[in-house]
Amino acid sequence: MSINKFENNFLIRMTDGTLKQVNPFSGAEVWTVVGRGNRPIAVNNEVKELDSHDPEDYCIFCPTQYFKTPPEKSRLIATNGEYKMLHNLAPSKINDTVAEFRRVSNLFEIISYDYWVENYDYVPHPIIMDKMSQYLSDPQGKEHIINTINFKLKSSGQSDDDIASISDEDKIRMATGFFAGCHELIIGKRHYIKDAEFDNQNASSGEMTTEEHNQYIKFTIHALKDIFITNRYARFVTVFQNWMKPAGASLDHLHKQLVAIDGRGEILEQEIARARNNPNAFNEYAVNFASYHNLIIAENDYAVAFADFGHRFPTLAIYSKSKRNQPWNHSDEEVRGMSDLVHACHAAMGSELPCNEEWYYRPPDVDVAMPWHILIKWRISNPAGFEAVTNIYVNTIDPWMLRDKVVTKLYELRNQGKIEKSINISTECDCVPNCLLYNPNITGTHQLKRSDLERLRGETLNF
């Protein structure tokens, strides 16, 4: 489907009520058919009482299972409300503190350490290899690494005899990716919310406090920047969060993933091409368009959220207003502004709906401006034969239905103090055109906000 055909008209309502959507950046065509949106959203109907464990030990990401994952690259701890990052803990120190968030290599990499070595002659930084040597010099550390490799081989289908035939030296070589690999996990502390009584009370992003979520985002950004610095062959690092198994998660324990790749992928390439053709595309075709169609959900000084369009799943979009194009260059206030809106969107969705959180930003080798933005996609339907044959996707919830569901919940959550109180919701939002300042031609000095109204009406004018 040609994007230009639908320029400035990405939402078309047919006479019978069918809504035809076109994604401004990918060109994907999506229909919302009358009646299908009335189907109930599936949630877990087989709720069981939870056999509570404290500390938690429900999966290998839980706090009692630190030695079931590869060695930590870093962890974030909280003491008296103050957060501190600890790096490359010695094995004897791992259980001395409780991690709020942990950064570890993915045991089953999408793009492996060997991929970078064999295709690019990738050589890890000496500091990284020194950390590996230090860990192996500790008998407990060596045992941890050998046991983790044994588990990986067993999970990959190898027999006990085959695993026993592999020397410790070869197993240690296999473990180099634990320290120098570029597919990482950011793992949250809790499996279930505190004092959970039922097995559907998982600790999701929306169940965190606003400060916990801010630290989660900041910790992820730190890892993102570090991967780019340590692997000069990475053209992009994709950041995503699969919440619950229907969304692709292997475990229902909150975690983000970061994967370095030597390309940028079709969707990002399309966004780059769109921005190159129109430097103001993300204002004109995303936020401005959403505002003109009453799809803005929430806003603060640093970010704006809206019900997005042209996606195969109901999608919430959160855009940074910053002049800076990359998360690691944002100020603490700008990161917090993004975090607060992302958190609010997750909280409004609830813990029982599976979803994907996807990060988009300007890659370091791209010369066109584009804003950091995050999409949250509700995985509540499965594409079927109709989509495969026509390449037209059926999304059962149109953007306005999505807006209404989320806005109603946001008001409730704000009244309860569960999301940031400074967030403006729906009609409270200024909805200023060109509020994204990523475009160097947009200075922000000309913008008129609804909050200026009281001052304006109080001015004495002389004619």
Protein backbone atom coordinates (compact mmCIF):
# COMPACT_ATOMS: atom_id res chain seq x y z
CA MET A 1 0.00 0.00 0.00
CA SER A 2 1.49 3.35 -1.01
CA ILE A 3 1.84 5.69 1.96
CA ASN A 4 1.56 8.75 -0.29
CA LYS A 5 -1.92 7.65 -1.33
CA PHE A 6 -3.08 8.27 2.24
CA GLU A 7 -1.02 11.37 3.00
CA ASN A 8 -2.69 13.18 5.91
CA ASN A 9 -5.59 10.75 5.71
CA PHE A 10 -4.42 7.69 7.58
CA LEU A 11 -7.84 6.97 9.09
CA ILE A 12 -10.79 6.38 6.75
CA ARG A 13 -14.25 5.59 8.13
CA MET A 14 -16.41 3.71 5.62
CA THR A 15 -20.19 4.19 5.38
CA ASP A 16 -20.88 0.90 7.20
CA GLY A 17 -18.58 1.92 10.05
CA THR A 18 -15.50 -0.08 9.06
CA LEU A 19 -12.32 1.87 9.90
CA LYS A 20 -9.42 1.56 7.47
CA GLN A 21 -6.08 2.54 8.98
CA VAL A 22 -2.71 3.06 7.32
CA ASN A 23 0.50 3.32 9.30
CA PRO A 24 2.22 6.60 8.35
CA PHE A 25 5.69 5.06 8.52
CA SER A 26 5.41 1.40 7.51
CA GLY A 27 2.42 1.61 5.17
CA ALA A 28 0.76 -1.33 6.94
CA GLU A 29 -2.99 -1.49 6.28
CA VAL A 30 -5.26 -2.36 9.19
CA TRP A 31 -9.05 -2.61 9.34
CA THR A 32 -11.33 -2.44 12.34
CA VAL A 33 -14.54 -4.16 11.30
CA VAL A 34 -17.85 -3.26 12.92
CA GLY A 35 -18.85 -5.77 15.57
CA ARG A 36 -15.52 -7.54 16.04
CA GLY A 37 -14.43 -4.90 18.52
CA ASN A 38 -17.28 -5.92 20.80
CA ARG A 39 -15.64 -9.23 21.56
CA PRO A 40 -14.40 -9.44 25.16
CA ILE A 41 -10.68 -9.06 25.78
CA ALA A 42 -9.36 -12.42 26.90
CA VAL A 43 -7.80 -12.56 30.36
CA ASN A 44 -6.68 -15.44 32.53
CA ASN A 45 -9.89 -17.10 33.70
CA GLU A 46 -8.12 -19.95 35.50
CA VAL A 47 -7.01 -17.97 38.53
CA LYS A 48 -5.62 -20.07 41.36
CA GLU A 49 -4.66 -19.27 44.92
CA LEU A 50 -0.96 -18.60 45.19
CA ASP A 51 1.29 -20.73 47.34
CA SER A 52 3.24 -17.74 48.63
CA HIS A 53 7.02 -18.01 48.96
CA ASP A 54 9.19 -15.36 50.60
CA PRO A 55 11.77 -14.91 49.23
CA GLU A 56 10.42 -15.78 45.81
CA ASP A 57 11.63 -18.87 43.97
CA TYR A 58 9.02 -19.33 41.23
CA CYS A 59 11.43 -19.19 38.26
CA ILE A 60 15.12 -18.77 37.46
CA PHE A 61 14.72 -14.97 37.43
CA CYS A 62 13.61 -14.86 41.08
CA PRO A 63 15.85 -13.50 43.88
CA THR A 64 16.69 -16.94 45.29
CA GLN A 65 17.96 -18.10 41.89
CA TYR A 66 20.83 -15.68 41.20
CA PHE A 67 23.19 -18.50 40.25
CA LYS A 68 20.71 -19.97 37.72
CA THR A 69 21.41 -17.15 35.23
CA PRO A 70 24.74 -16.13 33.67
CA PRO A 71 26.97 -13.90 35.83
CA GLU A 72 25.68 -10.38 36.39
CA LYS A 73 27.20 -7.47 34.51
CA SER A 74 25.58 -5.09 36.98
CA ARG A 75 22.73 -4.76 39.46
CA LEU A 76 20.76 -1.90 40.95
CA ILE A 77 20.13 -1.94 44.69
CA ALA A 78 18.03 0.35 46.88
CA THR A 79 19.04 1.41 50.39
CA ASN A 80 16.84 3.81 52.33
CA GLY A 81 15.30 5.05 49.08
CA GLU A 82 18.69 5.65 47.43
CA TYR A 83 19.62 3.63 44.35
CA LYS A 84 23.14 2.43 43.66
CA MET A 85 24.61 0.45 40.77
CA LEU A 86 27.03 -2.40 41.49
CA HIS A 87 29.17 -3.89 38.72
CA ASN A 88 30.64 -7.37 38.18
CA LEU A 89 30.05 -8.68 41.68
CA ALA A 90 32.33 -11.44 42.91
CA PRO A 91 30.49 -14.75 43.50
CA SER A 92 30.87 -14.40 47.27
CA LYS A 93 29.11 -11.01 47.17
CA ILE A 94 26.11 -11.94 45.03
CA ASN A 95 23.81 -12.83 47.93
CA ASP A 96 24.94 -9.92 50.13
CA THR A 97 22.38 -7.57 48.58
CA VAL A 98 18.94 -7.85 46.99
CA ALA A 99 18.84 -6.58 43.42
CA GLU A 100 15.99 -4.33 42.37
CA PHE A 101 17.10 -4.97 38.78
CA ARG A 102 19.80 -7.21 37.33
CA ARG A 103 21.64 -7.05 34.02
CA VAL A 104 22.74 -10.42 32.67
CA SER A 105 23.47 -12.00 29.31
CA ASN A 106 20.66 -13.95 27.67
CA LEU A 107 21.43 -17.63 28.00
CA PHE A 108 19.84 -18.30 24.61
CA GLU A 109 21.03 -15.44 22.41
CA ILE A 110 19.24 -14.35 19.25
CA ILE A 111 22.51 -12.97 17.87
CA SER A 112 25.32 -14.78 19.60
CA TYR A 113 28.78 -13.73 20.67
CA ASP A 114 30.20 -16.15 18.08
CA TYR A 115 28.25 -14.30 15.37
CA TRP A 116 30.25 -11.14 16.03
CA VAL A 117 33.55 -13.02 16.29
CA GLU A 118 33.14 -15.07 13.12
CA ASN A 119 31.64 -12.35 10.94
CA TYR A 120 33.50 -9.27 12.18
CA ASP A 121 36.57 -10.53 14.05
CA TYR A 122 35.05 -8.95 17.13
CA VAL A 123 37.55 -8.67 19.97
CA PRO A 124 36.09 -7.90 23.41
CA HIS A 125 37.58 -5.03 25.35
CA PRO A 126 40.43 -6.13 27.69
CA ILE A 127 38.46 -4.88 30.70
CA ILE A 128 35.66 -7.32 29.86
CA MET A 129 38.03 -10.26 29.52
CA ASP A 130 39.74 -9.27 32.76
CA LYS A 131 36.38 -9.42 34.54
CA MET A 132 35.83 -12.90 33.13
CA SER A 133 39.27 -14.02 34.37
CA GLN A 134 38.56 -12.66 37.83
CA TYR A 135 35.25 -14.49 38.00
CA LEU A 136 36.82 -17.77 36.89
CA SER A 137 39.64 -17.43 39.40
CA ASP A 138 37.06 -17.89 42.15
CA PRO A 139 36.14 -21.61 42.52
CA GLN A 140 32.51 -20.65 43.17
CA GLY A 141 32.55 -18.52 40.01
CA LYS A 142 33.98 -21.33 37.90
CA GLU A 143 31.39 -23.75 39.26
CA HIS A 144 28.64 -21.23 38.44
CA ILE A 145 29.81 -20.89 34.85
CA ILE A 146 30.23 -24.65 34.29
CA ASN A 147 26.79 -25.36 35.78
CA THR A 148 25.18 -22.67 33.62
CA ILE A 149 26.74 -24.06 30.44
CA ASN A 150 25.62 -27.56 31.43
CA PHE A 151 22.07 -26.27 31.85
CA LYS A 152 22.20 -24.54 28.46
CA LEU A 153 23.46 -27.69 26.73
CA LYS A 154 20.84 -29.84 28.48
CA SER A 155 18.09 -27.40 27.47
CA SER A 156 19.38 -27.54 23.89
CA GLY A 157 18.75 -31.31 23.78
CA GLN A 158 22.18 -32.74 24.52
CA SER A 159 22.39 -35.91 26.59
CA ASP A 160 24.13 -36.16 29.94
CA ASP A 161 26.85 -38.31 28.36
CA ASP A 162 27.44 -35.76 25.59
CA ILE A 163 27.68 -32.94 28.12
CA ALA A 164 30.08 -34.91 30.34
CA SER A 165 32.35 -35.52 27.35
CA ILE A 166 32.97 -31.79 26.88
CA SER A 167 35.99 -30.52 28.79
CA ASP A 168 35.77 -27.70 31.32
CA GLU A 169 38.09 -25.66 29.11
CA ASP A 170 35.69 -25.92 26.18
CA LYS A 171 32.75 -25.07 28.41
CA ILE A 172 34.55 -21.99 29.67
CA ARG A 173 35.22 -20.94 26.08
CA MET A 174 31.48 -21.33 25.39
CA ALA A 175 30.82 -18.99 28.31
CA THR A 176 32.77 -16.04 26.86
CA GLY A 177 29.45 -14.64 25.62
CA PHE A 178 28.25 -14.38 29.23
CA PHE A 179 30.71 -11.50 29.62
CA ALA A 180 31.28 -10.21 26.07
CA GLY A 181 27.96 -11.00 24.36
CA CYS A 182 25.52 -8.34 23.20
CA HIS A 183 22.12 -9.88 23.95
CA GLU A 184 21.22 -8.90 27.48
CA LEU A 185 18.34 -9.01 29.94
CA ILE A 186 17.25 -6.44 32.49
CA ILE A 187 15.41 -8.50 35.13
CA GLY A 188 13.01 -7.07 37.68
CA LYS A 189 13.08 -8.20 41.32
CA ARG A 190 9.59 -9.49 41.88
CA HIS A 191 7.69 -12.31 40.19
CA TYR A 192 4.38 -11.45 41.90
CA ILE A 193 3.28 -8.23 43.53
CA LYS A 194 3.90 -7.91 47.26
CA ASP A 195 1.34 -9.84 49.33
CA ALA A 196 -0.10 -11.48 46.20
CA GLU A 197 -2.86 -13.97 46.91
CA PHE A 198 -3.55 -15.30 43.40
CA ASP A 199 -1.36 -16.49 40.55
CA ASN A 200 -2.53 -13.74 38.17
CA GLN A 201 -1.05 -10.98 40.33
CA ASN A 202 2.24 -10.80 38.45
CA ALA A 203 4.58 -7.89 39.08
CA SER A 204 4.23 -5.98 35.81
CA SER A 205 5.65 -2.60 34.79
CA GLY A 206 2.39 -0.93 35.79
CA GLU A 207 2.54 -2.41 39.29
CA MET A 208 5.78 -0.59 40.07
CA THR A 209 5.92 2.77 41.78
CA THR A 210 6.75 5.67 39.48
CA GLU A 211 10.26 5.87 40.96
CA GLU A 212 10.87 2.13 40.56
CA HIS A 213 9.84 2.34 36.92
CA ASN A 214 12.07 5.37 36.38
CA GLN A 215 15.04 3.42 37.75
CA TYR A 216 14.11 0.48 35.50
CA ILE A 217 14.20 2.75 32.43
CA LYS A 218 17.44 4.46 33.50
CA PHE A 219 19.13 1.12 34.18
CA THR A 220 18.08 -0.11 30.72
CA ILE A 221 19.44 3.04 29.08
CA HIS A 222 22.77 2.54 30.85
CA ALA A 223 23.00 -0.97 29.38
CA LEU A 224 21.98 0.30 25.94
CA LYS A 225 24.77 2.88 25.87
CA ASP A 226 27.31 0.35 27.18
CA ILE A 227 26.55 -2.13 24.39
CA PHE A 228 27.14 0.52 21.73
CA ILE A 229 30.45 1.47 23.35
CA THR A 230 31.74 -2.09 23.67
CA ASN A 231 30.69 -3.33 20.19
CA ARG A 232 31.63 -0.93 17.40
CA TYR A 233 30.00 -3.21 14.82
CA ALA A 234 26.52 -2.74 16.26
CA ARG A 235 24.44 -0.50 14.01
CA PHE A 236 21.42 -0.69 16.27
CA VAL A 237 20.50 -2.16 19.63
CA THR A 238 16.88 -3.17 19.76
CA VAL A 239 15.19 -2.80 23.15
CA PHE A 240 11.94 -4.62 23.83
CA GLN A 241 9.84 -6.15 26.57
CA ASN A 242 7.62 -9.17 26.02
CA TRP A 243 5.08 -9.35 28.81
CA MET A 244 3.61 -12.81 29.33
CA LYS A 245 3.88 -15.88 27.13
CA PRO A 246 1.29 -14.88 24.45
CA ALA A 247 3.55 -11.88 23.73
CA GLY A 248 6.64 -14.07 23.32
CA ALA A 249 7.99 -14.19 26.88
CA SER A 250 9.60 -17.45 27.97
CA LEU A 251 8.83 -16.61 31.62
CA ASP A 252 6.10 -14.52 33.23
CA HIS A 253 8.72 -12.60 35.21
CA LEU A 254 9.25 -9.00 34.14
CA HIS A 255 12.34 -8.38 32.01
CA LYS A 256 13.53 -6.28 29.10
CA GLN A 257 15.83 -7.48 26.34
CA LEU A 258 18.56 -5.65 24.47
CA VAL A 259 19.98 -7.17 21.29
CA ALA A 260 22.79 -5.65 19.21
CA ILE A 261 22.34 -6.13 15.47
CA ASP A 262 24.45 -5.27 12.43
CA GLY A 263 21.52 -3.73 10.58
CA ARG A 264 18.49 -1.68 11.45
CA GLY A 265 15.52 -3.73 10.28
CA GLU A 266 12.78 -2.87 7.82
CA ILE A 267 10.53 -0.86 10.17
CA LEU A 268 13.30 1.43 11.36
CA GLU A 269 14.60 1.86 7.80
CA GLN A 270 11.11 2.96 6.75
CA GLU A 271 10.96 5.47 9.59
CA ILE A 272 14.38 6.84 8.60
CA ALA A 273 13.30 7.15 4.96
CA ARG A 274 10.12 8.94 6.01
CA ALA A 275 12.09 11.37 8.19
CA ARG A 276 14.60 11.99 5.41
CA ASN A 277 11.78 12.86 3.02
CA ASN A 278 9.99 15.05 5.58
CA PRO A 279 12.10 16.15 8.58
CA ASN A 280 8.94 17.00 10.51
CA ALA A 281 7.23 13.66 9.81
CA PHE A 282 6.98 12.53 13.43
CA ASN A 283 5.17 15.72 14.33
CA GLU A 284 2.94 15.88 11.26
CA TYR A 285 2.06 12.20 10.81
CA ALA A 286 2.15 11.03 14.43
CA VAL A 287 1.51 13.50 17.26
CA ASN A 288 -0.14 16.35 15.31
CA PHE A 289 -2.38 13.92 13.42
CA ALA A 290 -3.32 12.17 16.66
CA SER A 291 -4.15 15.51 18.26
CA TYR A 292 -6.37 16.62 15.37
CA HIS A 293 -8.29 13.34 15.70
CA ASN A 294 -8.66 13.53 19.50
CA LEU A 295 -6.39 10.56 20.14
CA ILE A 296 -4.08 12.19 22.69
CA ILE A 297 -4.23 10.19 25.93
CA ALA A 298 -1.74 11.88 28.27
CA GLU A 299 1.00 14.47 28.32
CA ASN A 300 3.60 16.07 30.56
CA ASP A 301 6.37 18.60 29.96
CA TYR A 302 8.68 16.01 28.43
CA ALA A 303 6.56 13.46 26.57
CA VAL A 304 3.17 12.80 25.00
CA ALA A 305 1.13 9.59 24.67
CA PHE A 306 -1.63 8.78 22.19
CA ALA A 307 -3.66 5.93 20.78
CA ASP A 308 -1.69 5.00 17.68
CA PHE A 309 -3.05 3.83 14.34
CA GLY A 310 -2.04 1.47 11.56
CA HIS A 311 -0.87 -1.38 13.80
CA ARG A 312 -2.01 -4.99 13.77
CA PHE A 313 -2.55 -4.79 17.56
CA PRO A 314 -4.06 -1.99 19.67
CA THR A 315 -1.05 0.27 20.25
CA LEU A 316 -0.16 3.10 22.61
CA ALA A 317 2.63 5.42 21.47
CA ILE A 318 4.77 7.51 23.83
CA TYR A 319 7.00 10.15 22.21
CA SER A 320 9.77 12.15 23.83
CA LYS A 321 9.54 15.91 23.23
CA SER A 322 13.29 16.33 23.71
CA LYS A 323 15.62 17.90 21.16
CA ARG A 324 17.86 14.91 21.83
CA ASN A 325 17.29 11.90 19.60
CA GLN A 326 18.78 9.14 21.74
CA PRO A 327 17.80 7.91 25.21
CA TRP A 328 21.33 8.10 26.66
CA ASN A 329 21.55 11.79 25.77
CA HIS A 330 18.32 12.72 27.54
CA SER A 331 18.47 14.62 30.81
CA ASP A 332 17.24 12.93 33.98
CA GLU A 333 14.07 15.04 33.81
CA GLU A 334 13.41 14.02 30.20
CA VAL A 335 13.92 10.33 30.99
CA ARG A 336 11.61 10.65 33.98
CA GLY A 337 8.96 12.29 31.80
CA MET A 338 9.07 9.39 29.35
CA SER A 339 9.11 6.85 32.15
CA ASP A 340 6.05 8.37 33.85
CA LEU A 341 3.93 8.12 30.69
CA VAL A 342 5.13 4.61 29.82
CA HIS A 343 4.40 3.54 33.38
CA ALA A 344 0.94 5.12 33.26
CA CYS A 345 0.11 3.31 30.01
CA HIS A 346 1.17 -0.04 31.50
CA ALA A 347 -0.78 0.65 34.68
CA ALA A 348 -3.92 1.50 32.69
CA MET A 349 -3.59 -1.72 30.71
CA GLY A 350 -3.21 -3.86 33.83
CA SER A 351 -1.11 -6.94 34.50
CA GLU A 352 -3.23 -9.58 32.80
CA LEU A 353 -3.02 -8.42 29.19
CA PRO A 354 0.03 -9.62 27.25
CA CYS A 355 1.91 -6.86 25.47
CA ASN A 356 5.10 -5.90 23.70
CA GLU A 357 7.03 -2.75 24.55
CA GLU A 358 9.28 -1.58 21.69
CA TRP A 359 11.86 1.24 21.70
CA TYR A 360 12.70 3.38 18.66
CA TYR A 361 15.42 6.04 18.47
CA ARG A 362 17.99 7.45 16.06
CA PRO A 363 20.85 4.96 15.56
CA PRO A 364 24.33 6.47 16.00
CA ASP A 365 25.19 6.17 12.30
CA VAL A 366 22.01 7.85 11.02
CA ASP A 367 22.20 11.48 9.88
CA VAL A 368 18.49 12.41 10.10
CA ALA A 369 16.69 13.52 13.22
CA MET A 370 14.06 11.26 14.76
CA PRO A 371 12.63 11.22 18.28
CA TRP A 372 12.92 8.50 20.89
CA HIS A 373 9.54 6.83 21.06
CA ILE A 374 8.11 3.71 22.66
CA LEU A 375 5.21 1.60 21.44
CA ILE A 376 3.13 -0.62 23.73
CA LYS A 377 1.19 -3.21 21.74
CA TRP A 378 -1.63 -5.22 23.30
CA ARG A 379 -1.31 -8.82 22.10
CA ILE A 380 -5.00 -9.68 22.30
CA SER A 381 -5.61 -11.28 18.89
CA ASN A 382 -3.98 -13.76 16.55
CA PRO A 383 -3.58 -13.06 12.82
CA ALA A 384 -5.30 -15.70 10.71
CA GLY A 385 -5.80 -16.66 7.07
CA PHE A 386 -7.40 -13.35 6.11
CA GLU A 387 -4.22 -11.43 7.01
CA ALA A 388 -1.91 -13.92 5.32
CA VAL A 389 -3.77 -13.78 2.01
CA THR A 390 -4.58 -10.05 1.86
CA ASN A 391 -1.73 -8.52 3.91
CA ILE A 392 -4.51 -6.50 5.59
CA TYR A 393 -4.61 -6.92 9.34
CA VAL A 394 -7.76 -6.91 11.45
CA ASN A 395 -7.41 -4.96 14.69
CA THR A 396 -10.50 -5.44 16.84
CA ILE A 397 -10.09 -2.18 18.81
CA ASP A 398 -9.96 1.10 16.89
CA PRO A 399 -7.85 4.02 18.21
CA TRP A 400 -10.81 5.88 19.75
CA MET A 401 -12.01 2.77 21.57
CA LEU A 402 -8.47 2.29 22.85
CA ARG A 403 -8.31 5.95 23.92
CA ASP A 404 -11.55 5.65 25.89
CA LYS A 405 -10.46 2.46 27.67
CA VAL A 406 -7.12 3.93 28.71
CA VAL A 407 -8.26 7.47 29.58
CA THR A 408 -11.00 6.19 31.88
CA LYS A 409 -8.47 4.07 33.74
CA LEU A 410 -5.87 6.85 33.91
CA TYR A 411 -8.24 9.18 35.74
CA GLU A 412 -8.96 6.41 38.24
CA LEU A 413 -5.28 5.61 38.75
CA ARG A 414 -4.32 9.25 39.20
CA ASN A 415 -7.02 9.73 41.82
CA GLN A 416 -5.62 6.69 43.64
CA GLY A 417 -2.07 8.07 43.50
CA LYS A 418 -0.82 5.07 41.51
CA ILE A 419 0.55 7.11 38.60
CA GLU A 420 2.38 10.44 38.54
CA LYS A 421 -0.04 13.18 39.59
CA SER A 422 1.52 15.80 37.29
CA ILE A 423 0.37 13.91 34.18
CA ASN A 424 -2.29 15.71 32.15
CA ILE A 425 -4.97 13.40 30.79
CA SER A 426 -7.02 13.72 27.59
CA THR A 427 -8.75 17.13 27.47
CA GLU A 428 -6.29 18.52 30.03
CA CYS A 429 -3.46 18.20 27.49
CA ASP A 430 -2.15 21.27 25.67
CA CYS A 431 -1.97 19.40 22.32
CA VAL A 432 0.43 22.00 20.91
CA PRO A 433 1.29 21.38 17.23
CA ASN A 434 4.89 20.37 16.64
CA CYS A 435 5.50 19.64 20.33
CA LEU A 436 8.33 17.24 19.43
CA LEU A 437 11.53 19.27 19.33
CA TYR A 438 13.73 16.61 17.71
CA ASN A 439 13.45 18.53 14.43
CA PRO A 440 16.09 21.31 14.56
CA ASN A 441 13.70 23.58 12.63
CA ILE A 442 11.26 23.44 15.57
CA THR A 443 12.52 25.69 18.36
CA GLY A 444 9.55 25.56 20.72
CA THR A 445 9.68 29.32 21.27
CA HIS A 446 6.53 29.92 19.21
CA GLN A 447 4.40 27.33 20.95
CA LEU A 448 1.23 28.50 22.68
CA LYS A 449 -0.02 26.36 25.52
CA ARG A 450 -3.41 26.15 27.10
CA SER A 451 -1.68 26.88 30.40
CA ASP A 452 -0.88 30.38 29.05
CA LEU A 453 -4.58 31.25 28.96
CA GLU A 454 -4.86 32.55 32.52
CA ARG A 455 -1.86 34.82 32.07
CA LEU A 456 -3.10 36.05 28.70
CA ARG A 457 -6.53 36.97 30.02
CA GLY A 458 -4.93 38.87 32.87
CA GLU A 459 -2.82 41.08 30.63
CA THR A 460 -3.60 44.78 30.19
CA LEU A 461 -3.47 45.62 26.51
CA ASN A 462 -2.99 49.11 25.13
CA PHE A 463 -4.27 49.69 21.61
